Amino acid sequence: MLPTVHQAGPHQHAPAAAQEIRTALDQRGREAGRSHALDWIGLAECAFLLGDVTGAAETTGHAVDAAAHTPSGRVRQQLAQLYPYTVGRDVPRPLRAARDQIRDLLAT
């Protein structure tokens, strides 16, 4: 019989991933274009996974700003994956603003 393997979920990896992404952001700036935008998107997703509403709203704003400066379809696709985190009945105002930012950029 094989031993049971416990797989860690995304919530468990979010703190370490966020630290790695912050390091990447520190090492490369806006001139990295697509990578810069993807880093901000990843950091926003980490904040959502950690339940950090303020951080999620702030990093989503940075993600949308970075995404607006690159024509990458992958960036748009990854940004669209953040959208469901911002939807719901009792979504706090900062996340509603983040949702509007995502929607506005994806509509262009």
C-alpha atoms as a PDB file:
ATOM      1  CA  MET A   1       0.000   0.000   0.000  1.00  0.00           C
ATOM      2  CA  LEU A   2       1.311   3.455  -0.935  1.00  0.00           C
ATOM      3  CA  PRO A   3       1.704   6.108   1.741  1.00  0.00           C
ATOM      4  CA  THR A   4      -0.775   8.960   1.718  1.00  0.00           C
ATOM      5  CA  VAL A   5       0.660  12.076   0.151  1.00  0.00           C
ATOM      6  CA  HIS A   6      -0.727  15.369   1.397  1.00  0.00           C
ATOM      7  CA  GLN A   7      -0.624  18.012  -1.244  1.00  0.00           C
ATOM      8  CA  ALA A   8      -0.334  21.563  -0.071  1.00  0.00           C
ATOM      9  CA  GLY A   9      -2.951  23.915  -1.437  1.00  0.00           C
ATOM     10  CA  PRO A  10      -2.342  27.309  -2.978  1.00  0.00           C
ATOM     11  CA  HIS A  11      -3.143  29.047   0.311  1.00  0.00           C
ATOM     12  CA  GLN A  12      -0.202  27.320   1.977  1.00  0.00           C
ATOM     13  CA  HIS A  13       2.204  28.366  -0.765  1.00  0.00           C
ATOM     14  CA  ALA A  14       1.004  31.954  -1.047  1.00  0.00           C
ATOM     15  CA  PRO A  15       3.355  33.499   1.565  1.00  0.00           C
ATOM     16  CA  ALA A  16       6.479  31.959   0.020  1.00  0.00           C
ATOM     17  CA  ALA A  17       5.292  32.737  -3.499  1.00  0.00           C
ATOM     18  CA  ALA A  18       4.605  36.349  -2.555  1.00  0.00           C
ATOM     19  CA  GLN A  19       8.135  36.715  -1.193  1.00  0.00           C
ATOM     20  CA  GLU A  20       9.638  35.264  -4.378  1.00  0.00           C
ATOM     21  CA  ILE A  21       7.517  37.570  -6.514  1.00  0.00           C
ATOM     22  CA  ARG A  22       8.526  40.621  -4.446  1.00  0.00           C
ATOM     23  CA  THR A  23      12.163  39.665  -5.014  1.00  0.00           C
ATOM     24  CA  ALA A  24      11.526  39.418  -8.765  1.00  0.00           C
ATOM     25  CA  LEU A  25       9.814  42.828  -8.759  1.00  0.00           C
ATOM     26  CA  ASP A  26      12.788  44.336  -6.933  1.00  0.00           C
ATOM     27  CA  GLN A  27      15.212  42.868  -9.462  1.00  0.00           C
ATOM     28  CA  ARG A  28      13.435  43.902 -12.623  1.00  0.00           C
ATOM     29  CA  GLY A  29      11.524  47.061 -13.302  1.00  0.00           C
ATOM     30  CA  ARG A  30       8.833  48.218 -15.676  1.00  0.00           C
ATOM     31  CA  GLU A  31      11.186  47.728 -18.598  1.00  0.00           C
ATOM     32  CA  ALA A  32      10.642  43.977 -18.151  1.00  0.00           C
ATOM     33  CA  GLY A  33       7.158  44.617 -19.620  1.00  0.00           C
ATOM     34  CA  ARG A  34       5.264  41.343 -19.691  1.00  0.00           C
ATOM     35  CA  SER A  35       7.216  39.789 -16.800  1.00  0.00           C
ATOM     36  CA  HIS A  36       6.649  42.892 -14.685  1.00  0.00           C
ATOM     37  CA  ALA A  37       2.897  42.719 -15.308  1.00  0.00           C
ATOM     38  CA  LEU A  38       2.770  38.978 -14.616  1.00  0.00           C
ATOM     39  CA  ASP A  39       4.679  39.500 -11.363  1.00  0.00           C
ATOM     40  CA  TRP A  40       2.107  42.045 -10.158  1.00  0.00           C
ATOM     41  CA  ILE A  41      -0.733  39.737 -11.166  1.00  0.00           C
ATOM     42  CA  GLY A  42       0.871  36.878  -9.244  1.00  0.00           C
ATOM     43  CA  LEU A  43       1.392  39.055  -6.197  1.00  0.00           C
ATOM     44  CA  ALA A  44      -2.247  40.163  -6.327  1.00  0.00           C
ATOM     45  CA  GLU A  45      -3.390  36.547  -6.471  1.00  0.00           C
ATOM     46  CA  CYS A  46      -1.239  35.755  -3.430  1.00  0.00           C
ATOM     47  CA  ALA A  47      -2.891  38.601  -1.535  1.00  0.00           C
ATOM     48  CA  PHE A  48      -6.337  37.283  -2.487  1.00  0.00           C
ATOM     49  CA  LEU A  49      -5.383  33.777  -1.350  1.00  0.00           C
ATOM     50  CA  LEU A  50      -4.145  35.151   1.962  1.00  0.00           C
ATOM     51  CA  GLY A  51      -7.359  37.119   2.506  1.00  0.00           C
ATOM     52  CA  ASP A  52      -5.505  40.443   2.496  1.00  0.00           C
ATOM     53  CA  VAL A  53      -8.215  42.677   1.044  1.00  0.00           C
ATOM     54  CA  THR A  54      -6.192  45.882   1.238  1.00  0.00           C
ATOM     55  CA  GLY A  55      -3.104  44.271  -0.259  1.00  0.00           C
ATOM     56  CA  ALA A  56      -5.171  42.562  -2.948  1.00  0.00           C
ATOM     57  CA  ALA A  57      -6.794  45.823  -3.990  1.00  0.00           C
ATOM     58  CA  GLU A  58      -3.464  47.662  -4.041  1.00  0.00           C
ATOM     59  CA  THR A  59      -1.555  45.005  -5.950  1.00  0.00           C
ATOM     60  CA  THR A  60      -4.414  44.545  -8.409  1.00  0.00           C
ATOM     61  CA  GLY A  61      -4.155  48.262  -9.162  1.00  0.00           C
ATOM     62  CA  HIS A  62      -0.436  47.831  -9.874  1.00  0.00           C
ATOM     63  CA  ALA A  63      -1.205  44.748 -11.981  1.00  0.00           C
ATOM     64  CA  VAL A  64      -3.760  46.615 -14.084  1.00  0.00           C
ATOM     65  CA  ASP A  65      -1.368  49.546 -14.537  1.00  0.00           C
ATOM     66  CA  ALA A  66       1.448  47.229 -15.632  1.00  0.00           C
ATOM     67  CA  ALA A  67      -0.902  45.261 -17.906  1.00  0.00           C
ATOM     68  CA  ALA A  68      -2.007  48.468 -19.600  1.00  0.00           C
ATOM     69  CA  HIS A  69       1.587  48.964 -20.772  1.00  0.00           C
ATOM     70  CA  THR A  70       1.946  45.618 -22.540  1.00  0.00           C
ATOM     71  CA  PRO A  71      -0.051  44.160 -25.424  1.00  0.00           C
ATOM     72  CA  SER A  72       0.465  40.604 -24.152  1.00  0.00           C
ATOM     73  CA  GLY A  73      -2.520  38.291 -24.476  1.00  0.00           C
ATOM     74  CA  ARG A  74      -1.130  36.124 -21.688  1.00  0.00           C
ATOM     75  CA  VAL A  75      -1.087  39.127 -19.358  1.00  0.00           C
ATOM     76  CA  ARG A  76      -4.721  39.844 -20.208  1.00  0.00           C
ATOM     77  CA  GLN A  77      -5.611  36.183 -19.644  1.00  0.00           C
ATOM     78  CA  GLN A  78      -3.896  36.102 -16.246  1.00  0.00           C
ATOM     79  CA  LEU A  79      -5.521  39.388 -15.274  1.00  0.00           C
ATOM     80  CA  ALA A  80      -8.911  37.944 -16.187  1.00  0.00           C
ATOM     81  CA  GLN A  81      -8.243  35.122 -13.720  1.00  0.00           C
ATOM     82  CA  LEU A  82      -8.099  37.696 -10.902  1.00  0.00           C
ATOM     83  CA  TYR A  83     -11.592  38.934 -11.718  1.00  0.00           C
ATOM     84  CA  PRO A  84     -13.495  36.143  -9.899  1.00  0.00           C
ATOM     85  CA  TYR A  85     -11.720  37.071  -6.659  1.00  0.00           C
ATOM     86  CA  THR A  86     -13.420  40.478  -6.864  1.00  0.00           C
ATOM     87  CA  VAL A  87     -16.974  39.249  -7.414  1.00  0.00           C
ATOM     88  CA  GLY A  88     -19.597  38.688  -4.758  1.00  0.00           C
ATOM     89  CA  ARG A  89     -22.357  40.292  -2.789  1.00  0.00           C
ATOM     90  CA  ASP A  90     -20.364  41.504   0.175  1.00  0.00           C
ATOM     91  CA  VAL A  91     -17.215  42.534  -1.652  1.00  0.00           C
ATOM     92  CA  PRO A  92     -15.503  45.439   0.118  1.00  0.00           C
ATOM     93  CA  ARG A  93     -15.290  48.753  -1.716  1.00  0.00           C
ATOM     94  CA  PRO A  94     -11.539  48.466  -2.512  1.00  0.00           C
ATOM     95  CA  LEU A  95     -12.153  45.146  -4.270  1.00  0.00           C
ATOM     96  CA  ARG A  96     -15.094  46.578  -6.202  1.00  0.00           C
ATOM     97  CA  ALA A  97     -12.718  49.288  -7.437  1.00  0.00           C
ATOM     98  CA  ALA A  98     -10.171  46.610  -8.389  1.00  0.00           C
ATOM     99  CA  ARG A  99     -12.911  44.727 -10.256  1.00  0.00           C
ATOM    100  CA  ASP A 100     -13.799  47.892 -12.173  1.00  0.00           C
ATOM    101  CA  GLN A 101     -10.140  48.433 -13.084  1.00  0.00           C
ATOM    102  CA  ILE A 102      -9.812  44.883 -14.403  1.00  0.00           C
ATOM    103  CA  ARG A 103     -13.081  45.084 -16.333  1.00  0.00           C
ATOM    104  CA  ASP A 104     -12.214  48.467 -17.864  1.00  0.00           C
ATOM    105  CA  LEU A 105      -8.801  47.293 -19.059  1.00  0.00           C
ATOM    106  CA  LEU A 106     -10.092  44.013 -20.470  1.00  0.00           C
ATOM    107  CA  ALA A 107     -12.855  45.871 -22.325  1.00  0.00           C
ATOM    108  CA  THR A 108     -10.303  47.932 -24.274  1.00  0.00           C
END
